[in-house]
Amino acid sequence: MPSSSVSVSPATSSSSVWRGWSRPVCSAGSRYSEHPPRYDYRLTDKGRDLWPVLTAMRQWGDRYSAPLGPPLVVTHKECGSSADAVLVCGSCGERVGPRDVKASAGPGLRQGQLLPDRAPSP
């Protein structure tokens, strides 16, 4: 589990990313620097749930935008190996990619939200 403490500037903390949409992703902590003013923030449950998303985005950036290598390396404290986001089946645990899954209507779907199925190509 990643650390739930982050340090950001007041300008960064006021951005919509940190405030979230309806509930915050972090809560203000104590001030640890006067000049420049810096605060210690704690991730909320909502913020901790973003960890896999942020990890996947960091990995994508490392692959496509870091020719000299990743600027940040995240390792598993227990074994010291790279901690990577990997999508797996929630039932069997097998790794899955975009060609291994299909999307279908879920219980929260409202009328008119999805496009109709396409007819197969001739």
PDB file of N, CA and C in Angstrom:
ATOM      1  N   MET A   1       0.842  -1.179   0.000  1.00  0.00           N
ATOM      2  CA  MET A   1       0.000   0.000   0.000  1.00  0.00           C
ATOM      3  C   MET A   1       0.885   1.238   0.000  1.00  0.00           C
ATOM      4  N   PRO A   2       0.609   2.195  -0.844  1.00  0.00           N
ATOM      5  CA  PRO A   2       1.426   3.401  -0.913  1.00  0.00           C
ATOM      6  C   PRO A   2       1.231   4.266   0.315  1.00  0.00           C
ATOM      7  N   SER A   3       2.213   5.134   0.547  1.00  0.00           N
ATOM      8  CA  SER A   3       2.090   6.087   1.634  1.00  0.00           C
ATOM      9  C   SER A   3       0.887   6.966   1.401  1.00  0.00           C
ATOM     10  N   SER A   4       0.183   7.322   2.461  1.00  0.00           N
ATOM     11  CA  SER A   4      -1.010   8.147   2.288  1.00  0.00           C
ATOM     12  C   SER A   4      -0.725   9.610   2.561  1.00  0.00           C
ATOM     13  N   SER A   5       0.552   9.979   2.623  1.00  0.00           N
ATOM     14  CA  SER A   5       0.921  11.364   2.854  1.00  0.00           C
ATOM     15  C   SER A   5       1.591  11.934   1.611  1.00  0.00           C
ATOM     16  N   VAL A   6       1.135  13.107   1.195  1.00  0.00           N
ATOM     17  CA  VAL A   6       1.750  13.781   0.059  1.00  0.00           C
ATOM     18  C   VAL A   6       2.043  15.213   0.437  1.00  0.00           C
ATOM     19  N   SER A   7       3.064  15.779  -0.157  1.00  0.00           N
ATOM     20  CA  SER A   7       3.428  17.165   0.083  1.00  0.00           C
ATOM     21  C   SER A   7       3.273  17.938  -1.206  1.00  0.00           C
ATOM     22  N   VAL A   8       2.440  18.970  -1.185  1.00  0.00           N
ATOM     23  CA  VAL A   8       2.192  19.767  -2.374  1.00  0.00           C
ATOM     24  C   VAL A   8       2.107  21.237  -2.003  1.00  0.00           C
ATOM     25  N   SER A   9       2.326  22.098  -2.994  1.00  0.00           N
ATOM     26  CA  SER A   9       2.226  23.536  -2.769  1.00  0.00           C
ATOM     27  C   SER A   9       0.766  23.945  -2.655  1.00  0.00           C
ATOM     28  N   PRO A  10       0.460  25.105  -2.065  1.00  0.00           N
ATOM     29  CA  PRO A  10      -0.923  25.571  -1.973  1.00  0.00           C
ATOM     30  C   PRO A  10      -1.580  25.700  -3.345  1.00  0.00           C
ATOM     31  N   ALA A  11      -0.843  26.137  -4.367  1.00  0.00           N
ATOM     32  CA  ALA A  11      -1.425  26.272  -5.706  1.00  0.00           C
ATOM     33  C   ALA A  11      -1.855  24.912  -6.246  1.00  0.00           C
ATOM     34  N   THR A  12      -1.010  23.913  -6.036  1.00  0.00           N
ATOM     35  CA  THR A  12      -1.348  22.569  -6.499  1.00  0.00           C
ATOM     36  C   THR A  12      -2.533  22.013  -5.731  1.00  0.00           C
ATOM     37  N   SER A  13      -2.560  22.230  -4.435  1.00  0.00           N
ATOM     38  CA  SER A  13      -3.628  21.674  -3.623  1.00  0.00           C
ATOM     39  C   SER A  13      -4.976  22.286  -3.929  1.00  0.00           C
ATOM     40  N   SER A  14      -5.002  23.485  -4.508  1.00  0.00           N
ATOM     41  CA  SER A  14      -6.280  24.118  -4.803  1.00  0.00           C
ATOM     42  C   SER A  14      -6.828  23.707  -6.163  1.00  0.00           C
ATOM     43  N   SER A  15      -6.063  22.930  -6.927  1.00  0.00           N
ATOM     44  CA  SER A  15      -6.533  22.520  -8.249  1.00  0.00           C
ATOM     45  C   SER A  15      -7.691  21.538  -8.117  1.00  0.00           C
ATOM     46  N   SER A  16      -8.488  21.433  -9.174  1.00  0.00           N
ATOM     47  CA  SER A  16      -9.651  20.554  -9.144  1.00  0.00           C
ATOM     48  C   SER A  16      -9.260  19.088  -9.009  1.00  0.00           C
ATOM     49  N   VAL A  17      -8.043  18.727  -9.434  1.00  0.00           N
ATOM     50  CA  VAL A  17      -7.612  17.342  -9.291  1.00  0.00           C
ATOM     51  C   VAL A  17      -7.570  16.951  -7.819  1.00  0.00           C
ATOM     52  N   TRP A  18      -7.030  17.813  -6.975  1.00  0.00           N
ATOM     53  CA  TRP A  18      -6.906  17.488  -5.562  1.00  0.00           C
ATOM     54  C   TRP A  18      -8.217  17.632  -4.814  1.00  0.00           C
ATOM     55  N   ARG A  19      -9.072  18.544  -5.243  1.00  0.00           N
ATOM     56  CA  ARG A  19     -10.361  18.710  -4.567  1.00  0.00           C
ATOM     57  C   ARG A  19     -11.317  17.592  -4.910  1.00  0.00           C
ATOM     58  N   GLY A  20     -11.138  16.975  -6.072  1.00  0.00           N
ATOM     59  CA  GLY A  20     -12.062  15.935  -6.482  1.00  0.00           C
ATOM     60  C   GLY A  20     -13.311  16.554  -7.060  1.00  0.00           C
ATOM     61  N   TRP A  21     -14.286  15.734  -7.296  1.00  0.00           N
ATOM     62  CA  TRP A  21     -15.499  16.208  -7.944  1.00  0.00           C
ATOM     63  C   TRP A  21     -16.558  16.561  -6.914  1.00  0.00           C
ATOM     64  N   SER A  22     -16.878  15.670  -6.023  1.00  0.00           N
ATOM     65  CA  SER A  22     -17.864  15.991  -4.996  1.00  0.00           C
ATOM     66  C   SER A  22     -17.302  15.771  -3.596  1.00  0.00           C
ATOM     67  N   ARG A  23     -16.282  14.946  -3.487  1.00  0.00           N
ATOM     68  CA  ARG A  23     -15.601  14.725  -2.207  1.00  0.00           C
ATOM     69  C   ARG A  23     -14.108  14.873  -2.467  1.00  0.00           C
ATOM     70  N   PRO A  24     -13.378  15.411  -1.524  1.00  0.00           N
ATOM     71  CA  PRO A  24     -11.942  15.630  -1.745  1.00  0.00           C
ATOM     72  C   PRO A  24     -11.157  14.318  -1.812  1.00  0.00           C
ATOM     73  N   VAL A  25     -10.027  14.361  -2.542  1.00  0.00           N
ATOM     74  CA  VAL A  25      -9.148  13.201  -2.613  1.00  0.00           C
ATOM     75  C   VAL A  25      -8.032  13.293  -1.572  1.00  0.00           C
ATOM     76  N   CYS A  26      -7.900  14.462  -0.937  1.00  0.00           N
ATOM     77  CA  CYS A  26      -6.949  14.584   0.163  1.00  0.00           C
ATOM     78  C   CYS A  26      -7.467  15.623   1.157  1.00  0.00           C
ATOM     79  N   SER A  27      -6.951  15.529   2.351  1.00  0.00           N
ATOM     80  CA  SER A  27      -7.331  16.493   3.381  1.00  0.00           C
ATOM     81  C   SER A  27      -6.076  17.206   3.872  1.00  0.00           C
ATOM     82  N   ALA A  28      -6.243  18.475   4.228  1.00  0.00           N
ATOM     83  CA  ALA A  28      -5.110  19.296   4.662  1.00  0.00           C
ATOM     84  C   ALA A  28      -4.555  18.776   5.974  1.00  0.00           C
ATOM     85  N   GLY A  29      -3.234  18.802   6.042  1.00  0.00           N
ATOM     86  CA  GLY A  29      -2.551  18.396   7.255  1.00  0.00           C
ATOM     87  C   GLY A  29      -1.842  19.592   7.864  1.00  0.00           C
ATOM     88  N   SER A  30      -0.733  19.327   8.500  1.00  0.00           N
ATOM     89  CA  SER A  30      -0.001  20.394   9.180  1.00  0.00           C
ATOM     90  C   SER A  30       0.943  21.117   8.220  1.00  0.00           C
ATOM     91  N   ARG A  31       1.225  22.366   8.556  1.00  0.00           N
ATOM     92  CA  ARG A  31       2.179  23.163   7.786  1.00  0.00           C
ATOM     93  C   ARG A  31       3.585  22.768   8.227  1.00  0.00           C
ATOM     94  N   TYR A  32       4.446  22.447   7.247  1.00  0.00           N
ATOM     95  CA  TYR A  32       5.800  22.051   7.616  1.00  0.00           C
ATOM     96  C   TYR A  32       6.858  23.017   7.104  1.00  0.00           C
ATOM     97  N   SER A  33       6.456  24.038   6.313  1.00  0.00           N
ATOM     98  CA  SER A  33       7.404  25.033   5.840  1.00  0.00           C
ATOM     99  C   SER A  33       6.711  26.383   5.763  1.00  0.00           C
ATOM    100  N   GLU A  34       7.401  27.421   6.240  1.00  0.00           N
ATOM    101  CA  GLU A  34       6.853  28.774   6.199  1.00  0.00           C
ATOM    102  C   GLU A  34       7.156  29.461   4.870  1.00  0.00           C
ATOM    103  N   HIS A  35       8.386  29.314   4.377  1.00  0.00           N
ATOM    104  CA  HIS A  35       8.791  29.973   3.134  1.00  0.00           C
ATOM    105  C   HIS A  35       9.466  28.984   2.208  1.00  0.00           C
ATOM    106  N   PRO A  36       8.860  28.562   1.163  1.00  0.00           N
ATOM    107  CA  PRO A  36       7.480  28.846   0.792  1.00  0.00           C
ATOM    108  C   PRO A  36       6.531  28.037   1.670  1.00  0.00           C
ATOM    109  N   PRO A  37       5.292  28.486   1.804  1.00  0.00           N
ATOM    110  CA  PRO A  37       4.355  27.728   2.641  1.00  0.00           C
ATOM    111  C   PRO A  37       4.065  26.358   2.015  1.00  0.00           C
ATOM    112  N   ARG A  38       4.241  25.325   2.820  1.00  0.00           N
ATOM    113  CA  ARG A  38       3.991  23.956   2.365  1.00  0.00           C
ATOM    114  C   ARG A  38       3.218  23.219   3.462  1.00  0.00           C
ATOM    115  N   TYR A  39       2.329  22.348   3.001  1.00  0.00           N
ATOM    116  CA  TYR A  39       1.492  21.594   3.925  1.00  0.00           C
ATOM    117  C   TYR A  39       1.630  20.106   3.661  1.00  0.00           C
ATOM    118  N   ASP A  40       1.439  19.331   4.700  1.00  0.00           N
ATOM    119  CA  ASP A  40       1.413  17.882   4.597  1.00  0.00           C
ATOM    120  C   ASP A  40      -0.053  17.497   4.402  1.00  0.00           C
ATOM    121  N   TYR A  41      -0.359  16.766   3.333  1.00  0.00           N
ATOM    122  CA  TYR A  41      -1.729  16.361   3.053  1.00  0.00           C
ATOM    123  C   TYR A  41      -1.867  14.859   3.212  1.00  0.00           C
ATOM    124  N   ARG A  42      -3.042  14.418   3.600  1.00  0.00           N
ATOM    125  CA  ARG A  42      -3.349  13.002   3.751  1.00  0.00           C
ATOM    126  C   ARG A  42      -4.393  12.622   2.721  1.00  0.00           C
ATOM    127  N   LEU A  43      -4.136  11.518   2.019  1.00  0.00           N
ATOM    128  CA  LEU A  43      -5.116  11.044   1.063  1.00  0.00           C
ATOM    129  C   LEU A  43      -6.340  10.503   1.788  1.00  0.00           C
ATOM    130  N   THR A  44      -7.503  10.792   1.249  1.00  0.00           N
ATOM    131  CA  THR A  44      -8.752  10.211   1.754  1.00  0.00           C
ATOM    132  C   THR A  44      -8.906   8.828   1.116  1.00  0.00           C
ATOM    133  N   ASP A  45      -9.946   8.104   1.483  1.00  0.00           N
ATOM    134  CA  ASP A  45     -10.214   6.822   0.834  1.00  0.00           C
ATOM    135  C   ASP A  45     -10.349   7.015  -0.668  1.00  0.00           C
ATOM    136  N   LYS A  46     -11.012   8.091  -1.076  1.00  0.00           N
ATOM    137  CA  LYS A  46     -11.192   8.392  -2.494  1.00  0.00           C
ATOM    138  C   LYS A  46      -9.832   8.617  -3.159  1.00  0.00           C
ATOM    139  N   GLY A  47      -8.947   9.314  -2.495  1.00  0.00           N
ATOM    140  CA  GLY A  47      -7.610   9.553  -3.032  1.00  0.00           C
ATOM    141  C   GLY A  47      -6.798   8.277  -3.139  1.00  0.00           C
ATOM    142  N   ARG A  48      -6.863   7.424  -2.103  1.00  0.00           N
ATOM    143  CA  ARG A  48      -6.133   6.145  -2.145  1.00  0.00           C
ATOM    144  C   ARG A  48      -6.652   5.253  -3.273  1.00  0.00           C
ATOM    145  N   ASP A  49      -7.938   5.359  -3.587  1.00  0.00           N
ATOM    146  CA  ASP A  49      -8.493   4.564  -4.681  1.00  0.00           C
ATOM    147  C   ASP A  49      -7.964   5.014  -6.043  1.00  0.00           C
ATOM    148  N   LEU A  50      -7.392   6.219  -6.134  1.00  0.00           N
ATOM    149  CA  LEU A  50      -6.782   6.687  -7.380  1.00  0.00           C
ATOM    150  C   LEU A  50      -5.384   6.105  -7.605  1.00  0.00           C
ATOM    151  N   TRP A  51      -4.808   5.477  -6.613  1.00  0.00           N
ATOM    152  CA  TRP A  51      -3.446   4.947  -6.706  1.00  0.00           C
ATOM    153  C   TRP A  51      -3.227   4.086  -7.953  1.00  0.00           C
ATOM    154  N   PRO A  52      -4.081   3.098  -8.249  1.00  0.00           N
ATOM    155  CA  PRO A  52      -3.838   2.298  -9.457  1.00  0.00           C
ATOM    156  C   PRO A  52      -3.906   3.124 -10.744  1.00  0.00           C
ATOM    157  N   VAL A  53      -4.797   4.104 -10.788  1.00  0.00           N
ATOM    158  CA  VAL A  53      -4.933   4.960 -11.972  1.00  0.00           C
ATOM    159  C   VAL A  53      -3.668   5.788 -12.158  1.00  0.00           C
ATOM    160  N   LEU A  54      -3.203   6.424 -11.097  1.00  0.00           N
ATOM    161  CA  LEU A  54      -1.997   7.250 -11.175  1.00  0.00           C
ATOM    162  C   LEU A  54      -0.769   6.411 -11.502  1.00  0.00           C
ATOM    163  N   THR A  55      -0.707   5.205 -10.955  1.00  0.00           N
ATOM    164  CA  THR A  55       0.416   4.310 -11.242  1.00  0.00           C
ATOM    165  C   THR A  55       0.423   3.922 -12.713  1.00  0.00           C
ATOM    166  N   ALA A  56      -0.745   3.585 -13.260  1.00  0.00           N
ATOM    167  CA  ALA A  56      -0.831   3.238 -14.681  1.00  0.00           C
ATOM    168  C   ALA A  56      -0.441   4.432 -15.550  1.00  0.00           C
ATOM    169  N   MET A  57      -0.871   5.629 -15.185  1.00  0.00           N
ATOM    170  CA  MET A  57      -0.514   6.823 -15.954  1.00  0.00           C
ATOM    171  C   MET A  57       0.983   7.102 -15.872  1.00  0.00           C
ATOM    172  N   ARG A  58       1.578   6.896 -14.692  1.00  0.00           N
ATOM    173  CA  ARG A  58       3.027   7.088 -14.538  1.00  0.00           C
ATOM    174  C   ARG A  58       3.780   6.097 -15.411  1.00  0.00           C
ATOM    175  N   GLN A  59       3.348   4.844 -15.422  1.00  0.00           N
ATOM    176  CA  GLN A  59       3.998   3.823 -16.253  1.00  0.00           C
ATOM    177  C   GLN A  59       3.884   4.178 -17.732  1.00  0.00           C
ATOM    178  N   TRP A  60       2.723   4.677 -18.147  1.00  0.00           N
ATOM    179  CA  TRP A  60       2.532   5.080 -19.543  1.00  0.00           C
ATOM    180  C   TRP A  60       3.506   6.206 -19.890  1.00  0.00           C
ATOM    181  N   GLY A  61       3.607   7.192 -19.015  1.00  0.00           N
ATOM    182  CA  GLY A  61       4.531   8.301 -19.235  1.00  0.00           C
ATOM    183  C   GLY A  61       5.976   7.835 -19.280  1.00  0.00           C
ATOM    184  N   ASP A  62       6.329   6.901 -18.404  1.00  0.00           N
ATOM    185  CA  ASP A  62       7.692   6.352 -18.403  1.00  0.00           C
ATOM    186  C   ASP A  62       8.003   5.665 -19.730  1.00  0.00           C
ATOM    187  N   ARG A  63       7.032   4.981 -20.279  1.00  0.00           N
ATOM    188  CA  ARG A  63       7.255   4.241 -21.530  1.00  0.00           C
ATOM    189  C   ARG A  63       7.364   5.171 -22.733  1.00  0.00           C
ATOM    190  N   TYR A  64       6.517   6.190 -22.798  1.00  0.00           N
ATOM    191  CA  TYR A  64       6.441   7.008 -23.995  1.00  0.00           C
ATOM    192  C   TYR A  64       7.093   8.392 -23.889  1.00  0.00           C
ATOM    193  N   SER A  65       7.427   8.838 -22.709  1.00  0.00           N
ATOM    194  CA  SER A  65       7.952  10.197 -22.574  1.00  0.00           C
ATOM    195  C   SER A  65       9.198  10.306 -21.709  1.00  0.00           C
ATOM    196  N   ALA A  66       9.856   9.201 -21.438  1.00  0.00           N
ATOM    197  CA  ALA A  66      11.051   9.247 -20.591  1.00  0.00           C
ATOM    198  C   ALA A  66      12.198   8.503 -21.270  1.00  0.00           C
ATOM    199  N   PRO A  67      12.792   9.097 -22.318  1.00  0.00           N
ATOM    200  CA  PRO A  67      13.850   8.394 -23.059  1.00  0.00           C
ATOM    201  C   PRO A  67      15.081   8.064 -22.220  1.00  0.00           C
ATOM    202  N   LEU A  68      15.311   8.798 -21.154  1.00  0.00           N
ATOM    203  CA  LEU A  68      16.467   8.537 -20.294  1.00  0.00           C
ATOM    204  C   LEU A  68      16.124   7.609 -19.132  1.00  0.00           C
ATOM    205  N   GLY A  69      14.884   7.163 -19.087  1.00  0.00           N
ATOM    206  CA  GLY A  69      14.436   6.306 -18.002  1.00  0.00           C
ATOM    207  C   GLY A  69      13.455   7.038 -17.114  1.00  0.00           C
ATOM    208  N   PRO A  70      12.750   6.295 -16.262  1.00  0.00           N
ATOM    209  CA  PRO A  70      11.727   6.922 -15.422  1.00  0.00           C
ATOM    210  C   PRO A  70      12.326   7.907 -14.424  1.00  0.00           C
ATOM    211  N   PRO A  71      11.664   9.053 -14.240  1.00  0.00           N
ATOM    212  CA  PRO A  71      12.155  10.024 -13.260  1.00  0.00           C
ATOM    213  C   PRO A  71      11.850   9.607 -11.820  1.00  0.00           C
ATOM    214  N   LEU A  72      10.934   8.678 -11.656  1.00  0.00           N
ATOM    215  CA  LEU A  72      10.548   8.197 -10.336  1.00  0.00           C
ATOM    216  C   LEU A  72      10.426   6.682 -10.410  1.00  0.00           C
ATOM    217  N   VAL A  73      11.043   5.985  -9.472  1.00  0.00           N
ATOM    218  CA  VAL A  73      10.954   4.524  -9.429  1.00  0.00           C
ATOM    219  C   VAL A  73      10.197   4.149  -8.162  1.00  0.00           C
ATOM    220  N   VAL A  74       9.146   3.346  -8.331  1.00  0.00           N
ATOM    221  CA  VAL A  74       8.328   2.904  -7.197  1.00  0.00           C
ATOM    222  C   VAL A  74       8.595   1.421  -6.973  1.00  0.00           C
ATOM    223  N   THR A  75       9.039   1.075  -5.772  1.00  0.00           N
ATOM    224  CA  THR A  75       9.371  -0.319  -5.472  1.00  0.00           C
ATOM    225  C   THR A  75       8.554  -0.831  -4.293  1.00  0.00           C
ATOM    226  N   HIS A  76       8.341  -2.129  -4.293  1.00  0.00           N
ATOM    227  CA  HIS A  76       7.641  -2.815  -3.214  1.00  0.00           C
ATOM    228  C   HIS A  76       8.563  -2.876  -1.994  1.00  0.00           C
ATOM    229  N   LYS A  77       8.106  -2.349  -0.870  1.00  0.00           N
ATOM    230  CA  LYS A  77       8.948  -2.307   0.335  1.00  0.00           C
ATOM    231  C   LYS A  77       9.391  -3.691   0.782  1.00  0.00           C
ATOM    232  N   GLU A  78       8.521  -4.673   0.627  1.00  0.00           N
ATOM    233  CA  GLU A  78       8.797  -6.018   1.119  1.00  0.00           C
ATOM    234  C   GLU A  78       9.929  -6.707   0.369  1.00  0.00           C
ATOM    235  N   CYS A  79       9.930  -6.638  -0.989  1.00  0.00           N
ATOM    236  CA  CYS A  79      10.923  -7.391  -1.763  1.00  0.00           C
ATOM    237  C   CYS A  79      11.868  -6.515  -2.579  1.00  0.00           C
ATOM    238  N   GLY A  80      11.543  -5.218  -2.721  1.00  0.00           N
ATOM    239  CA  GLY A  80      12.412  -4.317  -3.458  1.00  0.00           C
ATOM    240  C   GLY A  80      12.216  -4.315  -4.973  1.00  0.00           C
ATOM    241  N   SER A  81      11.265  -5.101  -5.472  1.00  0.00           N
ATOM    242  CA  SER A  81      11.006  -5.134  -6.913  1.00  0.00           C
ATOM    243  C   SER A  81      10.095  -3.993  -7.330  1.00  0.00           C
ATOM    244  N   SER A  82      10.067  -3.735  -8.631  1.00  0.00           N
ATOM    245  CA  SER A  82       9.223  -2.685  -9.197  1.00  0.00           C
ATOM    246  C   SER A  82       7.756  -2.947  -8.873  1.00  0.00           C
ATOM    247  N   ALA A  83       7.046  -1.909  -8.448  1.00  0.00           N
ATOM    248  CA  ALA A  83       5.614  -2.016  -8.163  1.00  0.00           C
ATOM    249  C   ALA A  83       4.863  -1.463  -9.365  1.00  0.00           C
ATOM    250  N   ASP A  84       4.239  -2.346 -10.130  1.00  0.00           N
ATOM    251  CA  ASP A  84       3.583  -1.969 -11.375  1.00  0.00           C
ATOM    252  C   ASP A  84       2.085  -2.200 -11.317  1.00  0.00           C
ATOM    253  N   ALA A  85       1.353  -1.385 -12.071  1.00  0.00           N
ATOM    254  CA  ALA A  85      -0.087  -1.592 -12.232  1.00  0.00           C
ATOM    255  C   ALA A  85      -0.279  -2.659 -13.298  1.00  0.00           C
ATOM    256  N   VAL A  86      -1.017  -3.698 -12.968  1.00  0.00           N
ATOM    257  CA  VAL A  86      -1.293  -4.788 -13.890  1.00  0.00           C
ATOM    258  C   VAL A  86      -2.770  -5.108 -13.776  1.00  0.00           C
ATOM    259  N   LEU A  87      -3.473  -5.148 -14.902  1.00  0.00           N
ATOM    260  CA  LEU A  87      -4.897  -5.457 -14.890  1.00  0.00           C
ATOM    261  C   LEU A  87      -5.080  -6.966 -14.916  1.00  0.00           C
ATOM    262  N   VAL A  88      -5.837  -7.481 -13.939  1.00  0.00           N
ATOM    263  CA  VAL A  88      -6.088  -8.920 -13.862  1.00  0.00           C
ATOM    264  C   VAL A  88      -7.584  -9.170 -13.706  1.00  0.00           C
ATOM    265  N   CYS A  89      -8.005 -10.365 -14.078  1.00  0.00           N
ATOM    266  CA  CYS A  89      -9.388 -10.784 -13.903  1.00  0.00           C
ATOM    267  C   CYS A  89      -9.681 -10.886 -12.407  1.00  0.00           C
ATOM    268  N   GLY A  90     -10.796 -10.305 -11.982  1.00  0.00           N
ATOM    269  CA  GLY A  90     -11.174 -10.343 -10.576  1.00  0.00           C
ATOM    270  C   GLY A  90     -11.571 -11.717 -10.091  1.00  0.00           C
ATOM    271  N   SER A  91     -11.801 -12.653 -10.990  1.00  0.00           N
ATOM    272  CA  SER A  91     -12.215 -13.999 -10.620  1.00  0.00           C
ATOM    273  C   SER A  91     -11.052 -14.990 -10.640  1.00  0.00           C
ATOM    274  N   CYS A  92     -10.370 -15.108 -11.797  1.00  0.00           N
ATOM    275  CA  CYS A  92      -9.316 -16.124 -11.919  1.00  0.00           C
ATOM    276  C   CYS A  92      -7.911 -15.574 -11.701  1.00  0.00           C
ATOM    277  N   GLY A  93      -7.741 -14.235 -11.700  1.00  0.00           N
ATOM    278  CA  GLY A  93      -6.440 -13.647 -11.463  1.00  0.00           C
ATOM    279  C   GLY A  93      -5.538 -13.570 -12.682  1.00  0.00           C
ATOM    280  N   GLU A  94      -6.015 -14.029 -13.850  1.00  0.00           N
ATOM    281  CA  GLU A  94      -5.203 -13.983 -15.058  1.00  0.00           C
ATOM    282  C   GLU A  94      -5.071 -12.550 -15.561  1.00  0.00           C
ATOM    283  N   ARG A  95      -3.881 -12.208 -16.084  1.00  0.00           N
ATOM    284  CA  ARG A  95      -3.678 -10.873 -16.680  1.00  0.00           C
ATOM    285  C   ARG A  95      -4.582 -10.713 -17.880  1.00  0.00           C
ATOM    286  N   VAL A  96      -5.151  -9.509 -18.043  1.00  0.00           N
ATOM    287  CA  VAL A  96      -6.022  -9.244 -19.190  1.00  0.00           C
ATOM    288  C   VAL A  96      -5.598  -7.965 -19.882  1.00  0.00           C
ATOM    289  N   GLY A  97      -5.810  -7.951 -21.195  1.00  0.00           N
ATOM    290  CA  GLY A  97      -5.548  -6.785 -22.015  1.00  0.00           C
ATOM    291  C   GLY A  97      -6.830  -6.382 -22.729  1.00  0.00           C
ATOM    292  N   PRO A  98      -6.761  -5.360 -23.583  1.00  0.00           N
ATOM    293  CA  PRO A  98      -7.969  -4.860 -24.239  1.00  0.00           C
ATOM    294  C   PRO A  98      -8.677  -5.886 -25.117  1.00  0.00           C
ATOM    295  N   ARG A  99      -7.969  -6.867 -25.646  1.00  0.00           N
ATOM    296  CA  ARG A  99      -8.598  -7.885 -26.498  1.00  0.00           C
ATOM    297  C   ARG A  99      -9.137  -9.062 -25.694  1.00  0.00           C
ATOM    298  N   ASP A 100      -8.916  -9.053 -24.388  1.00  0.00           N
ATOM    299  CA  ASP A 100      -9.361 -10.158 -23.534  1.00  0.00           C
ATOM    300  C   ASP A 100     -10.659  -9.854 -22.794  1.00  0.00           C
ATOM    301  N   VAL A 101     -11.210  -8.678 -23.002  1.00  0.00           N
ATOM    302  CA  VAL A 101     -12.405  -8.283 -22.253  1.00  0.00           C
ATOM    303  C   VAL A 101     -13.492  -7.790 -23.207  1.00  0.00           C
ATOM    304  N   LYS A 102     -14.718  -7.730 -22.712  1.00  0.00           N
ATOM    305  CA  LYS A 102     -15.810  -7.124 -23.462  1.00  0.00           C
ATOM    306  C   LYS A 102     -16.605  -6.240 -22.509  1.00  0.00           C
ATOM    307  N   ALA A 103     -17.177  -5.186 -23.038  1.00  0.00           N
ATOM    308  CA  ALA A 103     -17.985  -4.268 -22.236  1.00  0.00           C
ATOM    309  C   ALA A 103     -19.454  -4.575 -22.466  1.00  0.00           C
ATOM    310  N   SER A 104     -20.232  -4.500 -21.416  1.00  0.00           N
ATOM    311  CA  SER A 104     -21.679  -4.701 -21.534  1.00  0.00           C
ATOM    312  C   SER A 104     -22.371  -3.775 -20.550  1.00  0.00           C
ATOM    313  N   ALA A 105     -23.654  -3.596 -20.730  1.00  0.00           N
ATOM    314  CA  ALA A 105     -24.435  -2.699 -19.873  1.00  0.00           C
ATOM    315  C   ALA A 105     -24.395  -3.174 -18.426  1.00  0.00           C
ATOM    316  N   GLY A 106     -24.219  -2.232 -17.528  1.00  0.00           N
ATOM    317  CA  GLY A 106     -24.222  -2.529 -16.108  1.00  0.00           C
ATOM    318  C   GLY A 106     -25.481  -2.002 -15.443  1.00  0.00           C
ATOM    319  N   PRO A 107     -25.625  -2.236 -14.146  1.00  0.00           N
ATOM    320  CA  PRO A 107     -26.852  -1.842 -13.450  1.00  0.00           C
ATOM    321  C   PRO A 107     -27.079  -0.334 -13.374  1.00  0.00           C
ATOM    322  N   GLY A 108     -26.029   0.453 -13.535  1.00  0.00           N
ATOM    323  CA  GLY A 108     -26.183   1.906 -13.449  1.00  0.00           C
ATOM    324  C   GLY A 108     -26.448   2.584 -14.780  1.00  0.00           C
ATOM    325  N   LEU A 109     -26.564   1.811 -15.853  1.00  0.00           N
ATOM    326  CA  LEU A 109     -26.782   2.387 -17.180  1.00  0.00           C
ATOM    327  C   LEU A 109     -28.151   3.050 -17.263  1.00  0.00           C
ATOM    328  N   ARG A 110     -28.161   4.276 -17.770  1.00  0.00           N
ATOM    329  CA  ARG A 110     -29.420   4.980 -18.008  1.00  0.00           C
ATOM    330  C   ARG A 110     -29.747   4.901 -19.492  1.00  0.00           C
ATOM    331  N   GLN A 111     -31.005   4.967 -19.812  1.00  0.00           N
ATOM    332  CA  GLN A 111     -31.467   4.895 -21.200  1.00  0.00           C
ATOM    333  C   GLN A 111     -30.737   5.914 -22.068  1.00  0.00           C
ATOM    334  N   GLY A 112     -30.220   5.479 -23.209  1.00  0.00           N
ATOM    335  CA  GLY A 112     -29.582   6.370 -24.160  1.00  0.00           C
ATOM    336  C   GLY A 112     -28.126   6.696 -23.887  1.00  0.00           C
ATOM    337  N   GLN A 113     -27.501   6.072 -22.910  1.00  0.00           N
ATOM    338  CA  GLN A 113     -26.104   6.379 -22.601  1.00  0.00           C
ATOM    339  C   GLN A 113     -25.108   5.714 -23.539  1.00  0.00           C
ATOM    340  N   LEU A 114     -25.432   4.555 -24.071  1.00  0.00           N
ATOM    341  CA  LEU A 114     -24.506   3.831 -24.936  1.00  0.00           C
ATOM    342  C   LEU A 114     -24.990   3.841 -26.370  1.00  0.00           C
ATOM    343  N   LEU A 115     -24.046   3.733 -27.289  1.00  0.00           N
ATOM    344  CA  LEU A 115     -24.398   3.599 -28.695  1.00  0.00           C
ATOM    345  C   LEU A 115     -24.919   2.183 -28.936  1.00  0.00           C
ATOM    346  N   PRO A 116     -25.820   2.010 -29.916  1.00  0.00           N
ATOM    347  CA  PRO A 116     -26.293   0.648 -30.214  1.00  0.00           C
ATOM    348  C   PRO A 116     -25.159  -0.201 -30.768  1.00  0.00           C
ATOM    349  N   ASP A 117     -25.299  -1.519 -30.649  1.00  0.00           N
ATOM    350  CA  ASP A 117     -24.312  -2.427 -31.200  1.00  0.00           C
ATOM    351  C   ASP A 117     -24.179  -2.215 -32.694  1.00  0.00           C
ATOM    352  N   ARG A 118     -22.941  -2.311 -33.183  1.00  0.00           N
ATOM    353  CA  ARG A 118     -22.713  -2.204 -34.619  1.00  0.00           C
ATOM    354  C   ARG A 118     -22.971  -3.533 -35.283  1.00  0.00           C
ATOM    355  N   ALA A 119     -23.504  -3.465 -36.498  1.00  0.00           N
ATOM    356  CA  ALA A 119     -23.701  -4.685 -37.279  1.00  0.00           C
ATOM    357  C   ALA A 119     -22.327  -5.191 -37.705  1.00  0.00           C
ATOM    358  N   PRO A 120     -22.157  -6.514 -37.768  1.00  0.00           N
ATOM    359  CA  PRO A 120     -20.866  -7.058 -38.205  1.00  0.00           C
ATOM    360  C   PRO A 120     -20.547  -6.603 -39.620  1.00  0.00           C
ATOM    361  N   SER A 121     -19.281  -6.424 -39.896  1.00  0.00           N
ATOM    362  CA  SER A 121     -18.820  -6.042 -41.236  1.00  0.00           C
ATOM    363  C   SER A 121     -19.026  -7.209 -42.193  1.00  0.00           C
ATOM    364  N   PRO A 122     -19.420  -6.914 -43.459  1.00  0.00           N
ATOM    365  CA  PRO A 122     -19.618  -8.018 -44.427  1.00  0.00           C
ATOM    366  C   PRO A 122     -18.314  -8.657 -44.830  1.00  0.00           C
TER     367      PRO A 122
END
